[in-house]
Amino acid sequence: MSNVAEKLGDYALGPAAKNIEAEGPRFNIAPTQNSLVLRKSIADPHLLEPVHMRWGLVPSWSKTPSTRAPMINARSETVSEKPSFKAAFKRRRCLVPADGFYEWQQQEGGKVPVHFSMQDDSVFLMAGIWEKWTGHENEGFESYTILTTQANSLISAYHDRMPVILSGNKIEQWLETDLSRLTLADQASFFSPFDSRQMSSQFANPKLNSPKQEGPECLEGTGTEEKPKFRSSVLLQDWIPLSDS
């Protein structure tokens, strides 16, 4: 967790639950699985607590604990307007740490994953929002979604969207500012694509097409991949798949 703490600026990283501290690295987080999210502590506004949440936001008003399709992404351009997202966008923002995400490309032999990361392989933080769902018998869980924006020049060869990656003072702005009060121009600037010059890409293992696949071999390409030809229609992210909402 120390490499995550280095990215948090004036925020401190709160103590993690034992099950989080004991968790090893993940290489293929799929929708509806739990993963690590950072949110502001109620007790200390300068403290971020690491928690596990289900990936795929379920609105608090939903009648069932699942949606027709997992809402794993929210478009930053419309997140403040969509009924499923606007309450969480206003009151429940979070950070989703990762050191890579995937995009799939269709080639002659099938779909081939491409792994995107920082040039220095460091952890980065994505903008997320979260909700708590509670059933009739008080059973419940917390879930989140990741915001997307227009793809930068590196990722646009594969897809027209990418996760909103935050750094510097944008982290505090995301957690503290009422972004709905910003002008459309200011919001567009805030959610602008991350600098492609700080990122790199490489082919990954096609076994990632199965959500059951896990381990460092996920990052190993076969060596037979073709160069990019066209974009696919599926965006997968973090070790986590991304799709458009």
Protein backbone atom coordinates (compact mmCIF):
# COMPACT_ATOMS: atom_id res chain seq x y z
CA MET A 1 0.00 0.00 0.00
CA SER A 2 3.00 2.31 0.41
CA ASN A 3 3.25 2.95 -3.35
CA VAL A 4 -0.40 4.07 -3.29
CA ALA A 5 0.25 6.44 -0.36
CA GLU A 6 2.94 8.23 -2.36
CA LYS A 7 0.31 9.44 -4.83
CA LEU A 8 -2.12 10.95 -2.31
CA GLY A 9 -0.57 14.39 -1.74
CA ASP A 10 -1.88 15.91 1.52
CA TYR A 11 -4.07 12.90 2.27
CA ALA A 12 -2.94 10.09 4.55
CA LEU A 13 -3.78 6.46 3.92
CA GLY A 14 -5.83 4.96 6.73
CA PRO A 15 -5.28 1.48 8.16
CA ALA A 16 -6.52 -1.34 5.98
CA ALA A 17 -8.59 -4.27 7.13
CA LYS A 18 -6.66 -7.52 7.58
CA ASN A 19 -8.17 -9.07 4.46
CA ILE A 20 -6.93 -6.11 2.39
CA GLU A 21 -3.45 -6.09 3.94
CA ALA A 22 -3.11 -9.79 3.18
CA GLU A 23 -4.29 -9.45 -0.41
CA GLY A 24 -1.68 -9.97 -3.09
CA PRO A 25 -1.59 -8.30 -6.51
CA ARG A 26 -4.49 -8.82 -8.91
CA PHE A 27 -4.03 -9.14 -12.66
CA ASN A 28 -7.52 -9.70 -14.03
CA ILE A 29 -10.30 -8.04 -12.04
CA ALA A 30 -13.64 -8.66 -13.71
CA PRO A 31 -17.03 -6.92 -13.33
CA THR A 32 -18.98 -7.85 -10.17
CA GLN A 33 -15.75 -8.87 -8.39
CA ASN A 34 -14.54 -6.94 -5.35
CA SER A 35 -11.49 -4.71 -5.65
CA LEU A 36 -9.67 -2.00 -3.72
CA VAL A 37 -11.15 1.51 -3.56
CA LEU A 38 -10.06 4.57 -1.55
CA ARG A 39 -12.66 6.92 -0.06
CA LYS A 40 -12.63 9.75 2.44
CA SER A 41 -12.96 8.77 6.08
CA ILE A 42 -15.99 10.16 7.88
CA ALA A 43 -14.00 10.51 11.10
CA ASP A 44 -11.01 12.30 9.54
CA PRO A 45 -11.45 14.24 6.28
CA HIS A 46 -7.70 14.09 5.59
CA LEU A 47 -7.67 10.31 5.82
CA LEU A 48 -8.49 7.95 2.96
CA GLU A 49 -9.70 4.51 3.94
CA PRO A 50 -9.03 1.48 1.74
CA VAL A 51 -12.11 -0.69 1.31
CA HIS A 52 -13.32 -3.52 -0.89
CA MET A 53 -16.26 -2.75 -3.17
CA ARG A 54 -18.02 -4.60 -5.96
CA TRP A 55 -17.05 -3.33 -9.39
CA GLY A 56 -20.26 -2.35 -11.16
CA LEU A 57 -22.37 0.31 -9.46
CA VAL A 58 -25.83 -0.63 -8.21
CA PRO A 59 -27.93 2.47 -7.37
CA SER A 60 -29.29 2.66 -3.83
CA TRP A 61 -32.83 2.82 -5.23
CA SER A 62 -32.50 -0.35 -7.30
CA LYS A 63 -35.11 -3.00 -6.41
CA THR A 64 -32.58 -5.79 -6.96
CA PRO A 65 -28.89 -6.24 -6.04
CA SER A 66 -27.89 -6.35 -9.70
CA THR A 67 -28.53 -4.41 -12.89
CA ARG A 68 -29.31 -5.66 -16.39
CA ALA A 69 -25.66 -5.07 -17.33
CA PRO A 70 -22.94 -4.24 -14.78
CA MET A 71 -22.48 -0.46 -14.71
CA ILE A 72 -18.70 -0.61 -14.60
CA ASN A 73 -18.16 2.80 -16.24
CA ALA A 74 -19.78 6.23 -16.31
CA ARG A 75 -19.13 8.81 -19.00
CA SER A 76 -17.64 11.92 -17.41
CA GLU A 77 -19.57 14.11 -19.84
CA THR A 78 -22.97 12.93 -18.54
CA VAL A 79 -22.30 11.48 -15.08
CA SER A 80 -23.88 14.48 -13.34
CA GLU A 81 -27.14 13.96 -15.27
CA LYS A 82 -27.74 10.20 -15.31
CA PRO A 83 -30.22 9.01 -12.62
CA SER A 84 -28.01 6.02 -11.79
CA PHE A 85 -24.94 8.17 -11.15
CA LYS A 86 -25.82 11.77 -10.26
CA ALA A 87 -26.29 11.29 -6.49
CA ALA A 88 -23.03 9.39 -6.14
CA PHE A 89 -21.24 11.93 -8.33
CA LYS A 90 -22.34 14.71 -6.01
CA ARG A 91 -21.71 13.02 -2.64
CA ARG A 92 -19.74 9.76 -2.93
CA ARG A 93 -16.55 10.03 -4.93
CA CYS A 94 -13.60 7.70 -4.58
CA LEU A 95 -10.23 6.77 -6.06
CA VAL A 96 -9.52 3.45 -7.76
CA PRO A 97 -5.80 2.54 -7.66
CA ALA A 98 -4.21 0.40 -10.37
CA ASP A 99 -0.92 0.05 -12.18
CA GLY A 100 -2.42 -1.03 -15.47
CA PHE A 101 -5.57 -1.62 -17.51
CA TYR A 102 -6.46 -3.62 -20.59
CA GLU A 103 -8.02 -2.97 -23.96
CA TRP A 104 -8.95 -5.73 -26.39
CA GLN A 105 -8.21 -5.75 -30.11
CA GLN A 106 -9.82 -8.09 -32.62
CA GLN A 107 -7.24 -9.90 -34.74
CA GLU A 108 -7.48 -12.82 -37.14
CA GLY A 109 -6.88 -15.36 -34.39
CA GLY A 110 -9.31 -13.76 -31.97
CA LYS A 111 -9.30 -11.00 -29.38
CA VAL A 112 -5.86 -9.96 -28.13
CA PRO A 113 -5.52 -7.88 -24.92
CA VAL A 114 -3.25 -4.86 -24.75
CA HIS A 115 -1.94 -3.74 -21.36
CA PHE A 116 -1.60 0.00 -20.68
CA SER A 117 0.49 1.36 -17.83
CA MET A 118 2.66 4.30 -16.80
CA GLN A 119 6.12 4.57 -18.35
CA ASP A 120 7.66 4.01 -14.91
CA ASP A 121 5.17 1.23 -14.00
CA SER A 122 3.93 3.30 -11.06
CA VAL A 123 0.48 3.14 -9.49
CA PHE A 124 -2.09 5.63 -10.75
CA LEU A 125 -5.50 6.71 -9.45
CA MET A 126 -8.73 6.64 -11.41
CA ALA A 127 -11.85 8.69 -10.65
CA GLY A 128 -14.68 6.60 -9.25
CA ILE A 129 -18.06 7.02 -7.57
CA TRP A 130 -19.71 4.60 -5.17
CA GLU A 131 -23.08 3.64 -3.72
CA LYS A 132 -24.47 1.46 -0.95
CA TRP A 133 -27.35 -0.88 -1.74
CA THR A 134 -29.52 -2.30 1.07
CA GLY A 135 -32.18 -4.98 0.61
CA HIS A 136 -35.48 -5.58 2.40
CA GLU A 137 -33.78 -7.69 5.08
CA ASN A 138 -30.98 -5.16 5.62
CA GLU A 139 -28.51 -7.20 3.60
CA GLY A 140 -26.31 -4.94 1.53
CA PHE A 141 -23.03 -4.13 -0.16
CA GLU A 142 -21.09 -1.20 -1.59
CA SER A 143 -20.30 -0.90 -5.29
CA TYR A 144 -18.48 1.52 -7.56
CA THR A 145 -17.99 2.58 -11.16
CA ILE A 146 -15.05 4.22 -12.95
CA LEU A 147 -15.40 7.43 -14.94
CA THR A 148 -14.24 7.50 -18.56
CA THR A 149 -13.19 10.26 -20.91
CA GLN A 150 -12.03 10.65 -24.49
CA ALA A 151 -9.02 8.43 -25.25
CA ASN A 152 -5.56 9.94 -25.57
CA SER A 153 -3.42 9.38 -28.66
CA LEU A 154 -1.94 6.12 -27.35
CA ILE A 155 -5.24 4.44 -26.51
CA SER A 156 -7.27 5.86 -29.40
CA ALA A 157 -5.73 3.24 -31.71
CA TYR A 158 -7.81 0.70 -29.78
CA HIS A 159 -10.81 2.54 -28.38
CA ASP A 160 -12.28 6.03 -28.18
CA ARG A 161 -12.60 5.99 -24.37
CA MET A 162 -10.21 5.59 -21.43
CA PRO A 163 -10.46 5.88 -17.64
CA VAL A 164 -10.21 9.32 -16.02
CA ILE A 165 -6.75 9.27 -14.41
CA LEU A 166 -6.13 11.83 -11.67
CA SER A 167 -2.84 13.29 -10.48
CA GLY A 168 -1.54 16.32 -8.60
CA ASN A 169 -4.17 18.77 -7.36
CA LYS A 170 -6.87 17.00 -9.36
CA ILE A 171 -6.98 14.35 -6.62
CA GLU A 172 -8.04 16.88 -3.99
CA GLN A 173 -10.39 18.60 -6.43
CA TRP A 174 -12.09 15.29 -7.16
CA LEU A 175 -12.63 14.49 -3.49
CA GLU A 176 -13.46 17.98 -2.25
CA THR A 177 -14.95 20.18 -4.99
CA ASP A 178 -18.58 20.42 -6.02
CA LEU A 179 -17.77 19.71 -9.65
CA SER A 180 -21.40 20.18 -10.68
CA ARG A 181 -20.87 23.92 -10.10
CA LEU A 182 -18.06 24.09 -12.66
CA THR A 183 -18.73 25.41 -16.13
CA LEU A 184 -18.88 22.91 -18.96
CA ALA A 185 -15.49 24.16 -20.16
CA ASP A 186 -13.96 23.69 -16.71
CA GLN A 187 -15.43 20.19 -16.43
CA ALA A 188 -14.05 19.28 -19.84
CA SER A 189 -10.62 20.46 -18.72
CA PHE A 190 -10.82 18.54 -15.46
CA PHE A 191 -11.76 15.29 -17.19
CA SER A 192 -9.28 15.71 -20.04
CA PRO A 193 -7.33 12.59 -21.10
CA PHE A 194 -4.15 11.72 -19.25
CA ASP A 195 -0.91 12.58 -21.08
CA SER A 196 -0.10 9.69 -23.45
CA ARG A 197 3.61 10.56 -23.28
CA GLN A 198 3.67 9.27 -19.70
CA MET A 199 2.09 5.94 -20.67
CA SER A 200 3.18 2.77 -22.46
CA SER A 201 1.48 -0.32 -23.89
CA GLN A 202 2.28 -3.96 -24.62
CA PHE A 203 0.40 -7.04 -25.74
CA ALA A 204 -0.83 -9.30 -22.94
CA ASN A 205 -1.92 -12.92 -22.67
CA PRO A 206 -5.11 -13.88 -24.61
CA LYS A 207 -6.03 -16.09 -21.65
CA LEU A 208 -7.33 -12.85 -20.10
CA ASN A 209 -10.49 -13.43 -22.10
CA SER A 210 -11.47 -15.71 -19.21
CA PRO A 211 -12.24 -13.90 -15.93
CA LYS A 212 -10.96 -17.01 -14.12
CA GLN A 213 -7.42 -16.34 -15.35
CA GLU A 214 -5.22 -14.78 -12.68
CA GLY A 215 -1.51 -14.32 -12.00
CA PRO A 216 1.54 -12.57 -13.52
CA GLU A 217 1.32 -14.69 -16.67
CA CYS A 218 -1.64 -12.48 -17.62
CA LEU A 219 0.89 -9.85 -18.71
CA GLU A 220 2.86 -12.19 -20.97
CA GLY A 221 2.13 -11.81 -24.68
CA THR A 222 2.47 -14.74 -27.04
CA GLY A 223 4.85 -12.97 -29.43
CA THR A 224 2.58 -13.68 -32.40
CA GLU A 225 0.37 -10.60 -32.15
CA GLU A 226 -0.17 -8.34 -35.12
CA LYS A 227 0.23 -4.60 -35.01
CA PRO A 228 -3.02 -2.64 -34.41
CA LYS A 229 -5.44 -2.65 -37.34
CA PHE A 230 -8.65 -1.20 -35.94
CA ARG A 231 -10.48 -0.47 -32.75
CA SER A 232 -12.44 -3.03 -30.79
CA SER A 233 -15.77 -2.27 -29.13
CA VAL A 234 -14.81 -3.40 -25.65
CA LEU A 235 -12.70 -1.45 -23.19
CA LEU A 236 -11.27 -3.37 -20.30
CA GLN A 237 -9.73 -1.72 -17.40
CA ASP A 238 -7.32 -1.86 -14.51
CA TRP A 239 -6.67 -5.16 -14.42
CA ILE A 240 -10.30 -4.21 -14.76
CA PRO A 241 -12.44 -4.32 -17.90
CA LEU A 242 -14.04 -1.02 -18.92
CA SER A 243 -17.06 -0.53 -21.12
CA ASP A 244 -19.09 2.52 -22.03
CA SER A 245 -22.24 3.41 -20.13
